[in-house]
Each structure stands twice: as structure tokens, then as C-alpha cells.
Amino acid sequence: MQEIQPPPVPSSDDKLWIILSHVSLLLGVGVILPLVVYLVKKDSSAVVAEHAKEALNFHISIYIYAAVCVILVFVIIGFFLLIALSLASLVLAIIACVKASEGTLFRYPMTLRLVK
């Protein structure tokens, strides 16, 4: 019978990078911070790299959805979709930060998994 290993507990430094990756969209740096964190930490910390990759995929997806909403502004529905998208991204980023501080990976719903 195989023994299941618990996931590694991230250090406080790793938790900081994880949380910054998730809230980078709210801080105004969007895709840049999770991308840099992923590229820097992918060899040294698998946990941080996984969180950064998830945040990067989420932020890319939000930009794609926002572009579609901007096009739909000409049909009026885009205004309401942009409001809903911004509220959803705010709430989901907060949930991801809380889960990350607890040491678990949060999988964002409706995220395109472009970075593997």
C-alpha cells in the first residue's frame, strides 16, 4: 500500500510571493508579477510556481473576457458584463489569497489553462 505524502507547507517568504501573485491584478501589475514569480521560483519552489501559474492563467483569462465585454459594450450588455467580471475577479482573488494563506491551492473557476 502506498503512503500518501502531504503537500509541502510553504515558508512565510513563499506565502508572500503566493499572495502577491494572486492579488497582482488588484495591485495594477496584472500578468507581469505572476509571470516573474513563476519564472524565478519554478526551479526553487514548486508550490510557489503552481500558485503563480494558476494566478497567471486566471489573469490572462480575465483579460480575454474583458476584451469580449468591451466588444459587447456596443450592444449595451457589455457594461453589465464588465461590472460582473470586475466584481467576480475581486472576490475570486480574495478567496485565492485566503486559501493560499491556509496553504491550499485555489483553482479559479472558468479559467483557461494556457500556461501548463
C-alpha atoms as a PDB file:
ATOM      1  CA  MET A   1       0.000   0.000   0.000  1.00  0.00           C
ATOM      2  CA  GLN A   2       1.336   3.456  -0.955  1.00  0.00           C
ATOM      3  CA  GLU A   3       1.744   6.100   1.644  1.00  0.00           C
ATOM      4  CA  ILE A   4       0.315   9.473   0.619  1.00  0.00           C
ATOM      5  CA  GLN A   5       2.652  12.383   1.274  1.00  0.00           C
ATOM      6  CA  PRO A   6       1.072  15.638   2.463  1.00  0.00           C
ATOM      7  CA  PRO A   7       1.785  18.679   0.287  1.00  0.00           C
ATOM      8  CA  PRO A   8       4.792  20.717   1.419  1.00  0.00           C
ATOM      9  CA  VAL A   9       3.997  23.632   3.708  1.00  0.00           C
ATOM     10  CA  PRO A  10       5.222  26.890   2.150  1.00  0.00           C
ATOM     11  CA  SER A  11       7.533  29.118   4.177  1.00  0.00           C
ATOM     12  CA  SER A  12       6.464  32.645   5.113  1.00  0.00           C
ATOM     13  CA  ASP A  13       8.579  34.021   2.250  1.00  0.00           C
ATOM     14  CA  ASP A  14       6.869  31.649  -0.184  1.00  0.00           C
ATOM     15  CA  LYS A  15       3.441  32.633   1.179  1.00  0.00           C
ATOM     16  CA  LEU A  16       4.240  36.265   0.483  1.00  0.00           C
ATOM     17  CA  TRP A  17       5.088  35.523  -3.176  1.00  0.00           C
ATOM     18  CA  ILE A  18       1.985  33.339  -3.490  1.00  0.00           C
ATOM     19  CA  ILE A  19      -0.340  36.030  -2.123  1.00  0.00           C
ATOM     20  CA  LEU A  20       1.268  38.746  -4.252  1.00  0.00           C
ATOM     21  CA  SER A  21       0.740  36.571  -7.323  1.00  0.00           C
ATOM     22  CA  HIS A  22      -2.960  36.250  -6.589  1.00  0.00           C
ATOM     23  CA  VAL A  23      -3.584  39.950  -5.829  1.00  0.00           C
ATOM     24  CA  SER A  24      -1.385  41.343  -8.609  1.00  0.00           C
ATOM     25  CA  LEU A  25      -4.415  42.133 -10.758  1.00  0.00           C
ATOM     26  CA  LEU A  26      -5.788  44.283  -7.934  1.00  0.00           C
ATOM     27  CA  LEU A  27      -2.407  45.976  -7.464  1.00  0.00           C
ATOM     28  CA  GLY A  28      -2.358  47.033 -11.107  1.00  0.00           C
ATOM     29  CA  VAL A  29       0.524  44.856 -12.303  1.00  0.00           C
ATOM     30  CA  GLY A  30      -1.713  42.157 -13.750  1.00  0.00           C
ATOM     31  CA  VAL A  31       0.088  39.430 -15.637  1.00  0.00           C
ATOM     32  CA  ILE A  32       3.601  40.763 -15.043  1.00  0.00           C
ATOM     33  CA  LEU A  33       4.042  39.811 -11.371  1.00  0.00           C
ATOM     34  CA  PRO A  34       2.765  36.208 -11.590  1.00  0.00           C
ATOM     35  CA  LEU A  35       4.876  35.694 -14.703  1.00  0.00           C
ATOM     36  CA  VAL A  36       8.027  36.965 -12.988  1.00  0.00           C
ATOM     37  CA  VAL A  37       7.296  34.927  -9.843  1.00  0.00           C
ATOM     38  CA  TYR A  38       6.721  31.811 -11.940  1.00  0.00           C
ATOM     39  CA  LEU A  39       9.906  32.251 -13.944  1.00  0.00           C
ATOM     40  CA  VAL A  40      12.034  32.989 -10.873  1.00  0.00           C
ATOM     41  CA  LYS A  41      10.585  30.397  -8.483  1.00  0.00           C
ATOM     42  CA  LYS A  42       9.765  27.477 -10.798  1.00  0.00           C
ATOM     43  CA  ASP A  43      13.051  25.718 -10.051  1.00  0.00           C
ATOM     44  CA  SER A  44      13.339  26.557  -6.355  1.00  0.00           C
ATOM     45  CA  SER A  45       9.760  26.183  -5.090  1.00  0.00           C
ATOM     46  CA  ALA A  46       7.170  24.009  -6.805  1.00  0.00           C
ATOM     47  CA  VAL A  47       4.389  25.305  -4.534  1.00  0.00           C
ATOM     48  CA  VAL A  48       5.019  28.952  -5.419  1.00  0.00           C
ATOM     49  CA  ALA A  49       5.341  28.082  -9.098  1.00  0.00           C
ATOM     50  CA  GLU A  50       1.999  26.256  -9.076  1.00  0.00           C
ATOM     51  CA  HIS A  51       0.208  29.189  -7.419  1.00  0.00           C
ATOM     52  CA  ALA A  52       1.864  31.699  -9.765  1.00  0.00           C
ATOM     53  CA  LYS A  53       0.868  29.582 -12.770  1.00  0.00           C
ATOM     54  CA  GLU A  54      -2.738  29.419 -11.566  1.00  0.00           C
ATOM     55  CA  ALA A  55      -2.816  33.192 -10.981  1.00  0.00           C
ATOM     56  CA  LEU A  56      -1.221  33.818 -14.385  1.00  0.00           C
ATOM     57  CA  ASN A  57      -3.845  31.680 -16.135  1.00  0.00           C
ATOM     58  CA  PHE A  58      -6.611  33.486 -14.250  1.00  0.00           C
ATOM     59  CA  HIS A  59      -5.288  36.940 -15.138  1.00  0.00           C
ATOM     60  CA  ILE A  60      -4.891  36.045 -18.804  1.00  0.00           C
ATOM     61  CA  SER A  61      -8.452  34.686 -18.814  1.00  0.00           C
ATOM     62  CA  ILE A  62      -9.774  37.881 -17.206  1.00  0.00           C
ATOM     63  CA  TYR A  63      -8.088  39.983 -19.901  1.00  0.00           C
ATOM     64  CA  ILE A  64      -9.633  37.831 -22.639  1.00  0.00           C
ATOM     65  CA  TYR A  65     -13.091  38.030 -21.032  1.00  0.00           C
ATOM     66  CA  ALA A  66     -12.723  41.811 -20.610  1.00  0.00           C
ATOM     67  CA  ALA A  67     -11.828  42.204 -24.293  1.00  0.00           C
ATOM     68  CA  VAL A  68     -15.006  40.335 -25.227  1.00  0.00           C
ATOM     69  CA  CYS A  69     -17.012  42.538 -22.841  1.00  0.00           C
ATOM     70  CA  VAL A  70     -15.569  45.694 -24.385  1.00  0.00           C
ATOM     71  CA  ILE A  71     -16.733  44.498 -27.796  1.00  0.00           C
ATOM     72  CA  LEU A  72     -20.167  43.787 -26.317  1.00  0.00           C
ATOM     73  CA  VAL A  73     -20.394  47.333 -24.929  1.00  0.00           C
ATOM     74  CA  PHE A  74     -21.737  48.329 -28.342  1.00  0.00           C
ATOM     75  CA  VAL A  75     -24.695  46.039 -27.667  1.00  0.00           C
ATOM     76  CA  ILE A  76     -25.170  47.551 -24.155  1.00  0.00           C
ATOM     77  CA  ILE A  77     -24.822  44.174 -22.366  1.00  0.00           C
ATOM     78  CA  GLY A  78     -21.060  44.705 -22.166  1.00  0.00           C
ATOM     79  CA  PHE A  79     -21.405  47.314 -19.418  1.00  0.00           C
ATOM     80  CA  PHE A  80     -23.157  44.855 -17.135  1.00  0.00           C
ATOM     81  CA  LEU A  81     -20.758  42.054 -18.012  1.00  0.00           C
ATOM     82  CA  LEU A  82     -17.741  44.262 -17.246  1.00  0.00           C
ATOM     83  CA  ILE A  83     -19.181  45.108 -13.833  1.00  0.00           C
ATOM     84  CA  ALA A  84     -19.876  41.443 -13.109  1.00  0.00           C
ATOM     85  CA  LEU A  85     -16.407  40.456 -14.331  1.00  0.00           C
ATOM     86  CA  SER A  86     -14.647  43.018 -12.155  1.00  0.00           C
ATOM     87  CA  LEU A  87     -16.645  42.015  -9.070  1.00  0.00           C
ATOM     88  CA  ALA A  88     -16.023  38.323  -9.726  1.00  0.00           C
ATOM     89  CA  SER A  89     -12.282  38.848 -10.210  1.00  0.00           C
ATOM     90  CA  LEU A  90     -12.106  40.816  -6.950  1.00  0.00           C
ATOM     91  CA  VAL A  91     -13.976  38.169  -4.954  1.00  0.00           C
ATOM     92  CA  LEU A  92     -12.062  35.273  -6.500  1.00  0.00           C
ATOM     93  CA  ALA A  93      -8.696  36.947  -5.843  1.00  0.00           C
ATOM     94  CA  ILE A  94      -9.632  37.413  -2.182  1.00  0.00           C
ATOM     95  CA  ILE A  95     -10.748  33.783  -1.907  1.00  0.00           C
ATOM     96  CA  ALA A  96      -7.495  32.638  -3.525  1.00  0.00           C
ATOM     97  CA  CYS A  97      -5.478  34.697  -1.038  1.00  0.00           C
ATOM     98  CA  VAL A  98      -7.324  33.232   1.923  1.00  0.00           C
ATOM     99  CA  LYS A  99      -6.849  29.697   0.587  1.00  0.00           C
ATOM    100  CA  ALA A 100      -3.168  30.407  -0.125  1.00  0.00           C
ATOM    101  CA  SER A 101      -2.607  31.666   3.407  1.00  0.00           C
ATOM    102  CA  GLU A 102      -4.098  28.379   4.637  1.00  0.00           C
ATOM    103  CA  GLY A 103      -1.632  26.515   2.441  1.00  0.00           C
ATOM    104  CA  THR A 104      -4.025  25.156  -0.194  1.00  0.00           C
ATOM    105  CA  LEU A 105      -4.146  25.806  -3.923  1.00  0.00           C
ATOM    106  CA  PHE A 106      -7.306  27.509  -5.149  1.00  0.00           C
ATOM    107  CA  ARG A 107      -8.409  26.600  -8.671  1.00  0.00           C
ATOM    108  CA  TYR A 108     -10.166  29.556 -10.242  1.00  0.00           C
ATOM    109  CA  PRO A 109     -13.434  28.654 -11.971  1.00  0.00           C
ATOM    110  CA  MET A 110     -13.831  29.253 -15.724  1.00  0.00           C
ATOM    111  CA  THR A 111     -10.087  29.774 -16.175  1.00  0.00           C
ATOM    112  CA  LEU A 112      -8.404  28.942 -19.433  1.00  0.00           C
ATOM    113  CA  ARG A 113      -5.363  26.773 -18.638  1.00  0.00           C
ATOM    114  CA  LEU A 114      -2.981  28.337 -21.161  1.00  0.00           C
ATOM    115  CA  VAL A 115       0.235  28.085 -19.118  1.00  0.00           C
ATOM    116  CA  LYS A 116       0.948  24.474 -18.272  1.00  0.00           C
END
